[in-house]
Amino acid sequence: MKKKLYSLTALIIVLSVLFIYINSAVALDVTPNLDAARSSAGYNAASENTVPQIIGQIVAIVLAFVGMIFFMMIIFSGVQWMTAGGNEEKVKQAKTRLFNSIMGLTFVVAAYFLTWLIKVTLLGA
């Protein structure tokens, strides 16, 4: 068992180093090209930081965080249901939590979609 664990750990380390090496070898520095394109297009960095855009970014971050919490609750409820071992009280708790988590996740996704829709249509971002 320990031998398999050591082998798996070594494989993960080797693949990680290989991925980092390939990623750094393939990466291109396009920053000068982007800066030239931005300046020629009349790009103004201050126009990105308007109050509605900042609020939209904060709302998007909060909704993403809440969505992750609901997703973790769904996983926890599923595990609790599978490991209930026939205990009806635990199964009932897991079903209730699972239903509430799915409903909450549905509301979060709908709120995120509405935020995106308002951002795209009203702000033209």
Protein backbone atom coordinates (compact mmCIF):
# COMPACT_ATOMS: atom_id res chain seq x y z
CA MET A 1 0.00 0.00 0.00
CA LYS A 2 2.79 2.41 0.93
CA LYS A 3 4.64 1.57 -2.26
CA LYS A 4 1.60 2.53 -4.35
CA LEU A 5 1.21 5.75 -2.41
CA TYR A 6 4.88 6.65 -2.91
CA SER A 7 4.63 5.82 -6.60
CA LEU A 8 1.53 7.96 -7.02
CA THR A 9 3.16 10.87 -5.18
CA ALA A 10 6.30 10.61 -7.31
CA LEU A 11 4.21 10.48 -10.48
CA ILE A 12 2.28 13.61 -9.46
CA ILE A 13 5.51 15.46 -8.68
CA VAL A 14 7.11 14.46 -11.99
CA LEU A 15 4.03 15.44 -13.97
CA SER A 16 3.81 18.77 -12.13
CA VAL A 17 7.45 19.60 -12.87
CA LEU A 18 7.02 18.53 -16.48
CA PHE A 19 3.88 20.67 -16.83
CA ILE A 20 5.63 23.72 -15.34
CA TYR A 21 8.62 23.22 -17.64
CA ILE A 22 6.46 22.86 -20.76
CA ASN A 23 4.31 25.80 -19.74
CA SER A 24 7.31 28.09 -19.27
CA ALA A 25 8.92 26.90 -22.51
CA VAL A 26 5.78 27.52 -24.58
CA ALA A 27 4.77 30.81 -22.96
CA LEU A 28 5.10 33.89 -25.12
CA ASP A 29 5.56 37.45 -23.93
CA VAL A 30 2.78 39.36 -25.66
CA THR A 31 2.73 42.30 -23.23
CA PRO A 32 4.50 44.76 -25.57
CA ASN A 33 2.08 43.90 -28.38
CA LEU A 34 -0.93 44.33 -26.10
CA ASP A 35 0.33 47.67 -24.81
CA ALA A 36 0.87 48.93 -28.36
CA ALA A 37 -2.59 47.78 -29.42
CA ARG A 38 -4.21 49.40 -26.39
CA SER A 39 -2.51 52.73 -26.94
CA SER A 40 -3.32 52.79 -30.67
CA ALA A 41 -6.97 51.97 -29.96
CA GLY A 42 -7.30 54.82 -27.46
CA TYR A 43 -7.70 52.49 -24.50
CA ASN A 44 -8.15 54.28 -21.19
CA ALA A 45 -7.41 52.16 -18.12
CA ALA A 46 -9.48 54.46 -15.90
CA SER A 47 -12.64 53.65 -17.85
CA GLU A 48 -12.54 50.06 -16.56
CA ASN A 49 -12.93 51.01 -12.92
CA THR A 50 -16.35 52.63 -12.86
CA VAL A 51 -18.58 52.17 -9.83
CA PRO A 52 -21.16 49.91 -11.57
CA GLN A 53 -18.38 47.65 -12.88
CA ILE A 54 -16.76 47.38 -9.46
CA ILE A 55 -20.12 46.56 -7.87
CA GLY A 56 -20.77 44.00 -10.61
CA GLN A 57 -17.40 42.36 -9.99
CA ILE A 58 -18.05 42.22 -6.24
CA VAL A 59 -21.50 40.70 -6.79
CA ALA A 60 -20.03 38.13 -9.18
CA ILE A 61 -17.35 37.16 -6.66
CA VAL A 62 -19.88 36.84 -3.82
CA LEU A 63 -22.26 34.78 -5.96
CA ALA A 64 -19.41 32.48 -7.02
CA PHE A 65 -18.42 31.99 -3.37
CA VAL A 66 -22.00 31.25 -2.33
CA GLY A 67 -22.32 28.85 -5.26
CA MET A 68 -19.25 26.96 -4.06
CA ILE A 69 -20.77 26.70 -0.58
CA PHE A 70 -24.01 25.28 -1.99
CA PHE A 71 -22.05 22.82 -4.14
CA MET A 72 -20.13 21.62 -1.07
CA MET A 73 -23.43 21.24 0.81
CA ILE A 74 -24.80 19.11 -2.01
CA ILE A 75 -21.76 16.84 -1.85
CA PHE A 76 -21.96 16.65 1.96
CA SER A 77 -25.67 15.76 1.81
CA GLY A 78 -25.01 13.03 -0.75
CA VAL A 79 -22.27 11.52 1.38
CA GLN A 80 -24.48 11.69 4.47
CA TRP A 81 -27.30 9.97 2.59
CA MET A 82 -25.02 7.21 1.29
CA THR A 83 -23.50 6.57 4.72
CA ALA A 84 -26.77 6.76 6.67
CA GLY A 85 -26.85 2.99 6.97
CA GLY A 86 -30.64 2.76 6.99
CA ASN A 87 -31.13 5.41 9.69
CA GLU A 88 -34.31 7.16 8.56
CA GLU A 89 -33.56 10.33 10.53
CA LYS A 90 -30.20 10.84 8.80
CA VAL A 91 -31.73 10.08 5.41
CA LYS A 92 -34.49 12.61 6.05
CA GLN A 93 -31.92 15.24 7.12
CA ALA A 94 -29.82 14.55 4.04
CA LYS A 95 -32.83 14.76 1.71
CA THR A 96 -33.96 18.05 3.25
CA ARG A 97 -30.47 19.55 3.08
CA LEU A 98 -30.03 18.30 -0.49
CA PHE A 99 -33.33 19.81 -1.62
CA ASN A 100 -32.58 23.13 0.10
CA SER A 101 -29.07 23.19 -1.38
CA ILE A 102 -30.34 22.56 -4.88
CA MET A 103 -32.94 25.30 -4.51
CA GLY A 104 -30.31 27.70 -3.15
CA LEU A 105 -27.93 26.85 -5.97
CA THR A 106 -30.73 27.46 -8.46
CA PHE A 107 -31.35 30.91 -6.98
CA VAL A 108 -27.64 31.74 -7.00
CA VAL A 109 -27.29 30.71 -10.65
CA ALA A 110 -30.36 32.79 -11.54
CA ALA A 111 -28.95 35.80 -9.67
CA TYR A 112 -25.59 35.38 -11.37
CA PHE A 113 -27.31 35.20 -14.77
CA LEU A 114 -29.35 38.33 -14.01
CA THR A 115 -26.21 40.17 -12.93
CA TRP A 116 -24.45 39.12 -16.12
CA LEU A 117 -27.45 40.08 -18.25
CA ILE A 118 -27.70 43.53 -16.68
CA LYS A 119 -23.99 44.04 -17.04
CA VAL A 120 -24.03 43.10 -20.72
CA THR A 121 -27.19 44.95 -21.72
CA LEU A 122 -27.03 48.09 -19.61
CA LEU A 123 -23.31 48.63 -19.31
CA GLY A 124 -22.41 47.24 -22.72
CA ALA A 125 -19.40 45.39 -21.28
